[in-house]
Amino acid sequence: MLEVKESDLSKITGGGFSFGVAIGVGALVVFVIGLIDGYTNPIKCTVEKEAE
């Protein structure tokens, strides 16, 4: 069995949590949900006419 030294352990990177990736994934999920909702339940724009 190989024993890893303390100095070698401090050089190992990985498994970190990135807030940028989490925000990007969240934004993508919200966009896709909005896209599906807008496609399945379209709401027409209503413009009220001014009284002349």
N, C-alpha and C. Protein backbone atom coordinates (compact mmCIF):
# COMPACT_ATOMS: atom_id res chain seq x y z
N MET A 1 0.85 -1.17 0.00
CA MET A 1 0.00 0.00 0.00
C MET A 1 0.89 1.24 0.00
N LEU A 2 0.48 2.24 -0.78
CA LEU A 2 1.27 3.45 -0.93
C LEU A 2 0.81 4.50 0.09
N GLU A 3 1.74 5.08 0.81
CA GLU A 3 1.41 6.12 1.78
C GLU A 3 1.73 7.48 1.16
N VAL A 4 0.75 8.39 1.20
CA VAL A 4 0.91 9.71 0.60
C VAL A 4 1.38 10.67 1.68
N LYS A 5 2.39 11.46 1.33
CA LYS A 5 2.93 12.43 2.29
C LYS A 5 2.00 13.63 2.41
N GLU A 6 2.13 14.36 3.53
CA GLU A 6 1.30 15.53 3.78
C GLU A 6 1.49 16.60 2.71
N SER A 7 2.69 16.79 2.23
CA SER A 7 2.96 17.80 1.21
C SER A 7 2.29 17.42 -0.12
N ASP A 8 2.24 16.13 -0.41
CA ASP A 8 1.56 15.68 -1.63
C ASP A 8 0.04 15.83 -1.51
N LEU A 9 -0.49 15.66 -0.29
CA LEU A 9 -1.93 15.79 -0.09
C LEU A 9 -2.39 17.23 -0.32
N SER A 10 -1.56 18.18 0.05
CA SER A 10 -1.95 19.58 -0.11
C SER A 10 -1.96 20.01 -1.57
N LYS A 11 -1.31 19.26 -2.45
CA LYS A 11 -1.25 19.59 -3.87
C LYS A 11 -2.44 19.03 -4.66
N ILE A 12 -3.20 18.14 -4.05
CA ILE A 12 -4.33 17.51 -4.73
C ILE A 12 -5.50 18.49 -4.78
N THR A 13 -6.06 18.69 -5.98
CA THR A 13 -7.22 19.56 -6.14
C THR A 13 -8.36 18.77 -6.78
N GLY A 14 -9.57 19.27 -6.60
CA GLY A 14 -10.71 18.62 -7.22
C GLY A 14 -11.90 18.55 -6.29
N GLY A 15 -13.06 18.41 -6.87
CA GLY A 15 -14.27 18.28 -6.08
C GLY A 15 -14.77 19.58 -5.52
N GLY A 16 -14.26 20.69 -5.98
CA GLY A 16 -14.69 21.98 -5.47
C GLY A 16 -16.05 22.37 -6.00
N PHE A 17 -16.75 23.20 -5.25
CA PHE A 17 -18.07 23.69 -5.64
C PHE A 17 -17.91 25.06 -6.26
N SER A 18 -18.43 25.24 -7.45
CA SER A 18 -18.31 26.50 -8.15
C SER A 18 -19.68 27.19 -8.19
N PHE A 19 -19.77 28.38 -7.59
CA PHE A 19 -21.03 29.11 -7.59
C PHE A 19 -21.40 29.56 -9.00
N GLY A 20 -20.42 29.84 -9.83
CA GLY A 20 -20.71 30.25 -11.20
C GLY A 20 -21.41 29.16 -11.98
N VAL A 21 -20.96 27.93 -11.81
CA VAL A 21 -21.60 26.80 -12.50
C VAL A 21 -23.00 26.57 -11.95
N ALA A 22 -23.16 26.69 -10.63
CA ALA A 22 -24.47 26.49 -10.02
C ALA A 22 -25.45 27.55 -10.49
N ILE A 23 -25.01 28.80 -10.59
CA ILE A 23 -25.88 29.88 -11.06
C ILE A 23 -26.23 29.67 -12.53
N GLY A 24 -25.26 29.24 -13.33
CA GLY A 24 -25.51 28.97 -14.74
C GLY A 24 -26.51 27.86 -14.95
N VAL A 25 -26.38 26.79 -14.19
CA VAL A 25 -27.32 25.67 -14.31
C VAL A 25 -28.72 26.10 -13.85
N GLY A 26 -28.78 26.87 -12.77
CA GLY A 26 -30.07 27.37 -12.29
C GLY A 26 -30.73 28.27 -13.31
N ALA A 27 -29.95 29.15 -13.94
CA ALA A 27 -30.50 30.05 -14.96
C ALA A 27 -31.01 29.26 -16.16
N LEU A 28 -30.29 28.24 -16.55
CA LEU A 28 -30.72 27.41 -17.67
C LEU A 28 -32.02 26.68 -17.35
N VAL A 29 -32.13 26.17 -16.15
CA VAL A 29 -33.35 25.46 -15.74
C VAL A 29 -34.55 26.42 -15.74
N VAL A 30 -34.36 27.62 -15.19
CA VAL A 30 -35.45 28.60 -15.16
C VAL A 30 -35.85 29.00 -16.57
N PHE A 31 -34.87 29.18 -17.46
CA PHE A 31 -35.17 29.55 -18.84
C PHE A 31 -35.97 28.46 -19.55
N VAL A 32 -35.56 27.22 -19.39
CA VAL A 32 -36.25 26.11 -20.05
C VAL A 32 -37.67 25.97 -19.51
N ILE A 33 -37.85 26.13 -18.20
CA ILE A 33 -39.20 26.06 -17.61
C ILE A 33 -40.07 27.18 -18.17
N GLY A 34 -39.53 28.38 -18.27
CA GLY A 34 -40.28 29.50 -18.84
C GLY A 34 -40.61 29.29 -20.30
N LEU A 35 -39.69 28.70 -21.03
CA LEU A 35 -39.91 28.42 -22.45
C LEU A 35 -41.04 27.41 -22.63
N ILE A 36 -41.01 26.36 -21.85
CA ILE A 36 -42.06 25.33 -21.94
C ILE A 36 -43.40 25.91 -21.50
N ASP A 37 -43.41 26.69 -20.43
CA ASP A 37 -44.65 27.30 -19.94
C ASP A 37 -45.22 28.27 -20.97
N GLY A 38 -44.38 29.05 -21.60
CA GLY A 38 -44.85 29.99 -22.60
C GLY A 38 -45.36 29.30 -23.85
N TYR A 39 -44.80 28.17 -24.19
CA TYR A 39 -45.24 27.43 -25.37
C TYR A 39 -46.57 26.72 -25.11
N THR A 40 -46.73 26.16 -23.92
CA THR A 40 -47.94 25.40 -23.62
C THR A 40 -49.09 26.28 -23.16
N ASN A 41 -48.79 27.48 -22.66
CA ASN A 41 -49.84 28.36 -22.14
C ASN A 41 -49.58 29.79 -22.62
N PRO A 42 -49.76 30.04 -23.94
CA PRO A 42 -49.48 31.38 -24.45
C PRO A 42 -50.54 32.38 -23.98
N ILE A 43 -50.08 33.56 -23.63
CA ILE A 43 -50.98 34.63 -23.21
C ILE A 43 -50.83 35.77 -24.21
N LYS A 44 -51.95 36.16 -24.82
CA LYS A 44 -51.90 37.22 -25.82
C LYS A 44 -51.72 38.57 -25.12
N CYS A 45 -51.05 39.46 -25.79
CA CYS A 45 -50.87 40.81 -25.29
C CYS A 45 -52.18 41.56 -25.44
N THR A 46 -52.58 42.26 -24.40
CA THR A 46 -53.80 43.06 -24.46
C THR A 46 -53.41 44.53 -24.35
N VAL A 47 -53.85 45.30 -25.33
CA VAL A 47 -53.58 46.73 -25.35
C VAL A 47 -54.90 47.44 -25.22
N GLU A 48 -55.03 48.24 -24.18
CA GLU A 48 -56.27 48.97 -23.98
C GLU A 48 -56.26 50.20 -24.86
N LYS A 49 -57.37 50.43 -25.57
CA LYS A 49 -57.47 51.58 -26.44
C LYS A 49 -57.84 52.81 -25.60
N GLU A 50 -57.23 53.92 -25.93
CA GLU A 50 -57.53 55.16 -25.21
C GLU A 50 -58.88 55.70 -25.66
N ALA A 51 -59.61 56.27 -24.74
CA ALA A 51 -60.90 56.87 -25.07
C ALA A 51 -60.64 58.18 -25.81
N GLU A 52 -61.25 58.31 -26.95
CA GLU A 52 -61.01 59.51 -27.77
C GLU A 52 -62.06 60.55 -27.54
